[in-house]
């Protein structure tokens, strides 16, 4: 079954807006808040501070010799990668998939960045909500 948001779900959202898509979901048995969904990101990123708060040992990471480059073009070395079960939605409308995360030791206002691998595996389509009509084009 599809998980969809209806007009009633947006009753507390002030339109129009250009806010980022920030969600909560589950990694393993942990609820993860402040997960930023980024259609332009080619990897899922789990920040090391979140990794440690989840109680995961460093030995669970696979070694990886790679870099991640952001908006500014500055590279950040990947500490490692890890595959974890992720659940989106609530039973009976939920899906759980094993997803790979690159672990970065970098500060962020988010706990996780979810990129195209997350969107593809979870079969998620993001859509910008539009209120009203556009005139003059």
N, C-alpha and C. Protein backbone atom coordinates (compact mmCIF):
# COMPACT_ATOMS: atom_id res chain seq x y z
N UNK A 1 0.84 -1.19 0.00
CA UNK A 1 0.00 0.00 0.00
C UNK A 1 0.88 1.25 0.00
N UNK A 2 0.37 2.30 -0.58
CA UNK A 2 1.11 3.56 -0.63
C UNK A 2 0.98 4.31 0.68
N UNK A 3 2.06 4.98 1.06
CA UNK A 3 2.03 5.91 2.18
C UNK A 3 1.96 7.30 1.56
N UNK A 4 0.92 8.04 1.85
CA UNK A 4 0.75 9.35 1.23
C UNK A 4 0.29 10.35 2.27
N UNK A 5 0.57 11.61 2.01
CA UNK A 5 0.11 12.68 2.87
C UNK A 5 -1.06 13.36 2.19
N UNK A 6 -2.10 13.59 2.92
CA UNK A 6 -3.30 14.23 2.41
C UNK A 6 -3.31 15.70 2.82
N UNK A 7 -4.26 16.43 2.29
CA UNK A 7 -4.41 17.85 2.59
C UNK A 7 -4.54 18.07 4.11
N UNK A 8 -5.27 17.19 4.78
CA UNK A 8 -5.46 17.31 6.23
C UNK A 8 -4.15 17.17 6.99
N UNK A 9 -3.17 16.44 6.44
CA UNK A 9 -1.88 16.27 7.10
C UNK A 9 -1.07 17.56 7.11
N UNK A 10 -1.42 18.49 6.22
CA UNK A 10 -0.68 19.75 6.10
C UNK A 10 -1.38 20.89 6.84
N UNK A 11 -2.31 20.57 7.72
CA UNK A 11 -3.08 21.63 8.39
C UNK A 11 -2.22 22.56 9.24
N UNK A 12 -1.07 22.10 9.73
CA UNK A 12 -0.21 22.95 10.57
C UNK A 12 0.93 23.59 9.77
N UNK A 13 0.98 23.32 8.48
CA UNK A 13 2.03 23.87 7.62
C UNK A 13 1.56 25.21 7.08
N UNK A 14 2.41 26.21 7.18
CA UNK A 14 2.09 27.54 6.67
C UNK A 14 2.54 27.62 5.22
N UNK A 15 1.59 27.77 4.31
CA UNK A 15 1.88 27.84 2.88
C UNK A 15 1.84 29.28 2.41
N UNK A 16 2.53 29.68 1.38
CA UNK A 16 3.54 28.88 0.69
C UNK A 16 4.84 28.84 1.49
N UNK A 17 5.66 27.83 1.26
CA UNK A 17 6.95 27.72 1.94
C UNK A 17 7.94 27.00 1.05
N UNK A 18 9.20 27.13 1.39
CA UNK A 18 10.28 26.43 0.71
C UNK A 18 11.12 25.68 1.73
N UNK A 19 10.46 25.16 2.76
CA UNK A 19 11.17 24.46 3.82
C UNK A 19 11.77 23.15 3.31
N UNK A 20 12.84 22.75 3.95
CA UNK A 20 13.46 21.46 3.63
C UNK A 20 12.55 20.34 4.09
N UNK A 21 12.68 19.18 3.46
CA UNK A 21 11.93 18.01 3.87
C UNK A 21 12.74 17.31 4.96
N UNK A 22 12.26 17.41 6.19
CA UNK A 22 12.92 16.81 7.35
C UNK A 22 11.93 15.85 7.98
N UNK A 23 12.36 14.60 8.16
CA UNK A 23 11.45 13.56 8.64
C UNK A 23 12.03 12.88 9.88
N UNK A 24 11.21 12.04 10.48
CA UNK A 24 11.65 11.10 11.51
C UNK A 24 11.39 9.70 10.96
N UNK A 25 12.27 8.78 11.26
CA UNK A 25 12.10 7.40 10.83
C UNK A 25 12.91 6.52 11.77
N UNK A 26 12.94 5.23 11.52
CA UNK A 26 13.59 4.31 12.43
C UNK A 26 14.79 3.65 11.77
N UNK A 27 15.91 3.64 12.49
CA UNK A 27 17.08 2.85 12.09
C UNK A 27 17.24 1.79 13.18
N UNK A 28 17.10 0.54 12.79
CA UNK A 28 17.11 -0.53 13.79
C UNK A 28 15.94 -0.31 14.74
N UNK A 29 16.24 -0.21 16.03
CA UNK A 29 15.20 0.03 17.03
C UNK A 29 15.16 1.48 17.50
N UNK A 30 15.99 2.32 16.89
CA UNK A 30 16.11 3.72 17.32
C UNK A 30 15.28 4.65 16.43
N UNK A 31 14.54 5.55 17.08
CA UNK A 31 13.83 6.59 16.34
C UNK A 31 14.82 7.71 16.05
N UNK A 32 14.93 8.07 14.79
CA UNK A 32 15.86 9.11 14.36
C UNK A 32 15.06 10.33 13.94
N UNK A 33 15.30 11.43 14.61
CA UNK A 33 14.64 12.69 14.29
C UNK A 33 15.63 13.57 13.52
N UNK A 34 15.12 14.60 12.88
CA UNK A 34 15.94 15.54 12.10
C UNK A 34 16.75 14.82 11.02
N UNK A 35 16.03 14.03 10.21
CA UNK A 35 16.64 13.38 9.04
C UNK A 35 16.28 14.21 7.82
N UNK A 36 17.28 14.76 7.17
CA UNK A 36 17.10 15.65 6.02
C UNK A 36 17.06 14.83 4.74
N UNK A 37 15.97 14.94 3.99
CA UNK A 37 15.84 14.24 2.71
C UNK A 37 16.36 15.16 1.62
N UNK A 38 17.40 14.71 0.92
CA UNK A 38 18.09 15.54 -0.07
C UNK A 38 18.12 14.80 -1.41
N UNK A 39 17.24 15.21 -2.33
CA UNK A 39 17.16 14.57 -3.65
C UNK A 39 18.47 14.65 -4.43
N UNK A 40 19.34 15.59 -4.10
CA UNK A 40 20.57 15.78 -4.84
C UNK A 40 21.76 15.00 -4.29
N UNK A 41 21.60 14.35 -3.16
CA UNK A 41 22.71 13.64 -2.53
C UNK A 41 22.82 12.24 -3.10
N UNK A 42 24.03 11.83 -3.45
CA UNK A 42 24.23 10.52 -4.07
C UNK A 42 24.53 9.42 -3.04
N UNK A 43 24.52 9.77 -1.75
CA UNK A 43 24.77 8.78 -0.70
C UNK A 43 23.92 9.12 0.52
N UNK A 44 23.68 8.11 1.34
CA UNK A 44 23.04 8.32 2.64
C UNK A 44 24.16 8.58 3.64
N UNK A 45 24.01 9.62 4.45
CA UNK A 45 25.05 10.01 5.41
C UNK A 45 24.53 9.85 6.83
N UNK A 46 25.29 9.15 7.66
CA UNK A 46 25.01 9.03 9.08
C UNK A 46 26.16 9.71 9.81
N UNK A 47 25.85 10.71 10.59
CA UNK A 47 26.90 11.43 11.29
C UNK A 47 27.40 10.61 12.47
N UNK A 48 28.69 10.69 12.72
CA UNK A 48 29.34 9.86 13.72
C UNK A 48 28.74 10.07 15.11
N UNK A 49 28.37 11.29 15.44
CA UNK A 49 27.78 11.55 16.76
C UNK A 49 26.45 10.79 16.91
N UNK A 50 25.68 10.71 15.82
CA UNK A 50 24.43 9.94 15.83
C UNK A 50 24.75 8.45 15.92
N UNK A 51 25.75 8.01 15.17
CA UNK A 51 26.22 6.63 15.20
C UNK A 51 26.54 6.21 16.63
N UNK A 52 27.28 7.05 17.36
CA UNK A 52 27.66 6.74 18.75
C UNK A 52 26.44 6.77 19.68
N UNK A 53 25.54 7.76 19.48
CA UNK A 53 24.33 7.84 20.32
C UNK A 53 23.43 6.62 20.13
N UNK A 54 23.53 5.99 18.96
CA UNK A 54 22.75 4.78 18.70
C UNK A 54 23.37 3.56 19.38
N UNK A 55 24.56 3.74 19.95
CA UNK A 55 25.23 2.64 20.64
C UNK A 55 25.92 1.66 19.72
N UNK A 56 26.23 2.09 18.50
CA UNK A 56 26.89 1.20 17.55
C UNK A 56 28.40 1.23 17.75
N UNK A 57 29.05 0.06 17.77
CA UNK A 57 30.52 0.03 17.92
C UNK A 57 31.20 0.34 16.58
N UNK A 58 32.35 0.98 16.66
CA UNK A 58 33.12 1.32 15.46
C UNK A 58 33.44 0.08 14.62
N UNK A 59 33.57 -1.08 15.27
CA UNK A 59 33.90 -2.31 14.55
C UNK A 59 32.81 -2.72 13.56
N UNK A 60 31.58 -2.19 13.73
CA UNK A 60 30.49 -2.52 12.81
C UNK A 60 30.64 -1.80 11.46
N UNK A 61 31.51 -0.79 11.42
CA UNK A 61 31.74 -0.06 10.17
C UNK A 61 32.70 -0.83 9.27
N UNK A 62 32.42 -0.82 7.98
CA UNK A 62 33.36 -1.35 7.00
C UNK A 62 34.33 -0.24 6.66
N UNK A 63 35.61 -0.57 6.52
CA UNK A 63 36.59 0.43 6.14
C UNK A 63 36.30 0.97 4.74
N UNK A 64 36.56 2.24 4.56
CA UNK A 64 36.31 2.84 3.26
C UNK A 64 37.29 4.00 3.07
N UNK A 65 37.94 4.00 1.94
CA UNK A 65 38.89 5.07 1.64
C UNK A 65 38.28 5.98 0.58
N UNK A 66 37.36 6.84 1.03
CA UNK A 66 36.72 7.75 0.08
C UNK A 66 36.42 9.08 0.75
N UNK A 67 35.99 10.01 -0.07
CA UNK A 67 35.68 11.37 0.39
C UNK A 67 34.28 11.74 -0.08
N UNK A 68 33.64 12.62 0.68
CA UNK A 68 32.35 13.17 0.30
C UNK A 68 32.55 14.67 0.12
N UNK A 69 32.01 15.20 -0.98
CA UNK A 69 32.16 16.62 -1.27
C UNK A 69 30.80 17.29 -1.19
N UNK A 70 30.75 18.42 -0.49
CA UNK A 70 29.50 19.14 -0.32
C UNK A 70 29.41 20.35 -1.21
N UNK A 71 28.49 21.22 -0.84
CA UNK A 71 28.20 22.44 -1.57
C UNK A 71 29.44 23.29 -1.83
N UNK A 72 30.27 23.42 -0.82
CA UNK A 72 31.43 24.30 -0.91
C UNK A 72 32.59 23.68 -1.68
N UNK A 73 32.48 22.39 -2.00
CA UNK A 73 33.55 21.70 -2.70
C UNK A 73 34.63 21.17 -1.76
N UNK A 74 34.49 21.42 -0.47
CA UNK A 74 35.44 20.92 0.52
C UNK A 74 35.14 19.45 0.80
N UNK A 75 36.16 18.63 0.77
CA UNK A 75 36.00 17.19 1.00
C UNK A 75 36.04 16.82 2.46
N UNK A 76 35.26 15.81 2.80
CA UNK A 76 35.26 15.23 4.15
C UNK A 76 35.53 13.75 3.99
N UNK A 77 36.51 13.25 4.71
CA UNK A 77 36.88 11.83 4.62
C UNK A 77 35.80 10.96 5.26
N UNK A 78 35.42 9.90 4.57
CA UNK A 78 34.44 8.96 5.09
C UNK A 78 35.14 8.05 6.10
N UNK A 79 34.57 7.94 7.31
CA UNK A 79 35.15 7.08 8.34
C UNK A 79 34.96 5.61 8.00
N UNK A 80 33.83 5.31 7.38
CA UNK A 80 33.49 3.94 7.03
C UNK A 80 32.06 3.91 6.55
N UNK A 81 31.57 2.71 6.26
CA UNK A 81 30.18 2.57 5.86
C UNK A 81 29.55 1.46 6.67
N UNK A 82 28.22 1.50 6.75
CA UNK A 82 27.50 0.50 7.53
C UNK A 82 26.12 0.29 6.90
N UNK A 83 25.68 -0.97 6.88
CA UNK A 83 24.32 -1.29 6.41
C UNK A 83 23.44 -1.51 7.63
N UNK A 84 22.30 -0.83 7.62
CA UNK A 84 21.39 -0.89 8.77
C UNK A 84 19.95 -1.03 8.29
N UNK A 85 19.10 -1.72 9.08
CA UNK A 85 17.68 -1.81 8.72
C UNK A 85 16.98 -0.49 9.03
N UNK A 86 16.25 0.02 8.05
CA UNK A 86 15.54 1.29 8.21
C UNK A 86 14.06 1.09 7.96
N UNK A 87 13.23 1.67 8.82
CA UNK A 87 11.79 1.54 8.69
C UNK A 87 11.19 2.92 8.50
N UNK A 88 10.36 3.02 7.48
CA UNK A 88 9.65 4.26 7.17
C UNK A 88 8.17 3.96 7.31
N UNK A 89 7.45 4.81 8.04
CA UNK A 89 6.02 4.62 8.28
C UNK A 89 5.78 3.86 9.56
N UNK A 90 4.50 3.62 9.82
CA UNK A 90 4.09 2.89 11.02
C UNK A 90 3.20 1.72 10.60
N UNK A 91 3.33 0.62 11.31
CA UNK A 91 2.55 -0.57 11.00
C UNK A 91 1.06 -0.23 11.04
N UNK A 92 0.28 -0.69 10.11
CA UNK A 92 0.55 -1.66 9.06
C UNK A 92 1.08 -1.02 7.77
N UNK A 93 1.20 0.31 7.73
CA UNK A 93 1.70 0.99 6.53
C UNK A 93 3.16 1.36 6.73
N UNK A 94 4.03 0.38 6.67
CA UNK A 94 5.46 0.64 6.85
C UNK A 94 6.25 -0.24 5.90
N UNK A 95 7.48 0.16 5.69
CA UNK A 95 8.41 -0.63 4.88
C UNK A 95 9.76 -0.61 5.58
N UNK A 96 10.44 -1.74 5.59
CA UNK A 96 11.77 -1.85 6.17
C UNK A 96 12.72 -2.37 5.11
N UNK A 97 13.85 -1.68 4.94
CA UNK A 97 14.88 -2.06 3.97
C UNK A 97 16.24 -1.91 4.62
N UNK A 98 17.20 -2.69 4.13
CA UNK A 98 18.59 -2.53 4.55
C UNK A 98 19.20 -1.43 3.69
N UNK A 99 19.75 -0.41 4.34
CA UNK A 99 20.34 0.71 3.62
C UNK A 99 21.79 0.91 4.04
N UNK A 100 22.60 1.34 3.09
CA UNK A 100 24.00 1.65 3.38
C UNK A 100 24.14 3.14 3.71
N UNK A 101 24.91 3.42 4.75
CA UNK A 101 25.21 4.78 5.16
C UNK A 101 26.72 4.99 5.17
N UNK A 102 27.15 6.15 4.68
CA UNK A 102 28.53 6.60 4.85
C UNK A 102 28.56 7.31 6.19
N UNK A 103 29.54 7.00 7.02
CA UNK A 103 29.66 7.62 8.35
C UNK A 103 30.68 8.75 8.26
N UNK A 104 30.25 9.95 8.64
CA UNK A 104 31.11 11.13 8.61
C UNK A 104 31.27 11.71 10.01
N UNK A 105 32.49 12.07 10.35
CA UNK A 105 32.76 12.74 11.62
C UNK A 105 32.75 14.24 11.36
N UNK A 106 31.55 14.78 11.26
CA UNK A 106 31.36 16.19 10.91
C UNK A 106 30.15 16.70 11.67
N UNK A 107 30.17 17.96 12.04
CA UNK A 107 29.02 18.55 12.72
C UNK A 107 27.93 18.86 11.72
N UNK A 108 26.68 18.71 12.17
CA UNK A 108 25.53 19.02 11.33
C UNK A 108 24.34 19.31 12.23
N UNK A 109 23.40 20.08 11.73
CA UNK A 109 22.17 20.31 12.49
C UNK A 109 21.20 19.14 12.30
N UNK A 110 21.55 18.20 11.41
CA UNK A 110 20.74 17.01 11.18
C UNK A 110 21.47 15.79 11.71
N UNK A 111 20.73 14.72 11.99
CA UNK A 111 21.32 13.47 12.44
C UNK A 111 21.72 12.57 11.27
N UNK A 112 20.96 12.69 10.19
CA UNK A 112 21.15 11.84 9.02
C UNK A 112 20.81 12.67 7.78
N UNK A 113 21.52 12.42 6.69
CA UNK A 113 21.13 12.95 5.38
C UNK A 113 20.71 11.75 4.54
N UNK A 114 19.51 11.80 4.00
CA UNK A 114 18.99 10.71 3.19
C UNK A 114 18.99 11.14 1.74
N UNK A 115 19.75 10.42 0.92
CA UNK A 115 19.90 10.79 -0.48
C UNK A 115 19.12 9.88 -1.41
N UNK A 116 19.55 9.90 -2.68
CA UNK A 116 18.87 9.11 -3.70
C UNK A 116 18.85 7.61 -3.41
N UNK A 117 19.89 7.02 -2.78
CA UNK A 117 19.79 5.59 -2.45
C UNK A 117 18.60 5.29 -1.52
N UNK A 118 18.36 6.16 -0.56
CA UNK A 118 17.20 6.01 0.33
C UNK A 118 15.90 6.13 -0.47
N UNK A 119 15.81 7.15 -1.31
CA UNK A 119 14.60 7.38 -2.10
C UNK A 119 14.31 6.19 -3.02
N UNK A 120 15.35 5.66 -3.66
CA UNK A 120 15.19 4.54 -4.57
C UNK A 120 14.75 3.28 -3.82
N UNK A 121 15.46 2.92 -2.76
CA UNK A 121 15.16 1.69 -2.03
C UNK A 121 13.78 1.73 -1.37
N UNK A 122 13.41 2.89 -0.83
CA UNK A 122 12.12 3.02 -0.15
C UNK A 122 10.98 3.35 -1.13
N UNK A 123 11.36 3.56 -2.41
CA UNK A 123 10.40 3.89 -3.45
C UNK A 123 9.62 5.16 -3.09
N UNK A 124 10.38 6.19 -2.71
CA UNK A 124 9.82 7.47 -2.29
C UNK A 124 9.88 8.45 -3.45
N UNK A 125 8.81 9.19 -3.62
CA UNK A 125 8.78 10.30 -4.58
C UNK A 125 8.44 11.54 -3.78
N UNK A 126 9.30 12.54 -3.84
CA UNK A 126 9.01 13.79 -3.15
C UNK A 126 8.36 14.75 -4.13
N UNK A 127 7.44 15.54 -3.62
CA UNK A 127 6.68 16.47 -4.44
C UNK A 127 6.50 17.76 -3.66
N UNK A 128 6.80 18.87 -4.30
CA UNK A 128 6.61 20.17 -3.65
C UNK A 128 5.14 20.52 -3.72
N UNK A 129 4.57 20.79 -2.57
CA UNK A 129 3.15 21.14 -2.47
C UNK A 129 2.93 22.54 -3.02
N UNK A 130 1.94 22.68 -3.87
CA UNK A 130 1.64 23.98 -4.43
C UNK A 130 0.23 24.37 -4.07
N UNK A 131 0.07 25.58 -3.51
CA UNK A 131 -1.24 26.10 -3.17
C UNK A 131 -1.57 27.20 -4.16
N UNK A 132 -2.79 27.18 -4.72
CA UNK A 132 -3.19 28.23 -5.63
C UNK A 132 -2.67 27.96 -7.02
N UNK A 133 -2.78 28.95 -7.89
CA UNK A 133 -2.35 28.78 -9.28
C UNK A 133 -1.27 29.80 -9.61
N UNK A 134 -0.53 29.51 -10.66
CA UNK A 134 0.54 30.40 -11.12
C UNK A 134 -0.02 31.23 -12.27
N UNK A 135 0.11 32.52 -12.19
CA UNK A 135 -0.42 33.40 -13.24
C UNK A 135 0.72 34.00 -14.06
N UNK A 136 0.43 34.23 -15.32
CA UNK A 136 1.36 34.99 -16.16
C UNK A 136 2.45 34.18 -16.83
N UNK A 137 2.40 32.85 -16.79
CA UNK A 137 3.47 32.11 -17.48
C UNK A 137 2.97 31.29 -18.60
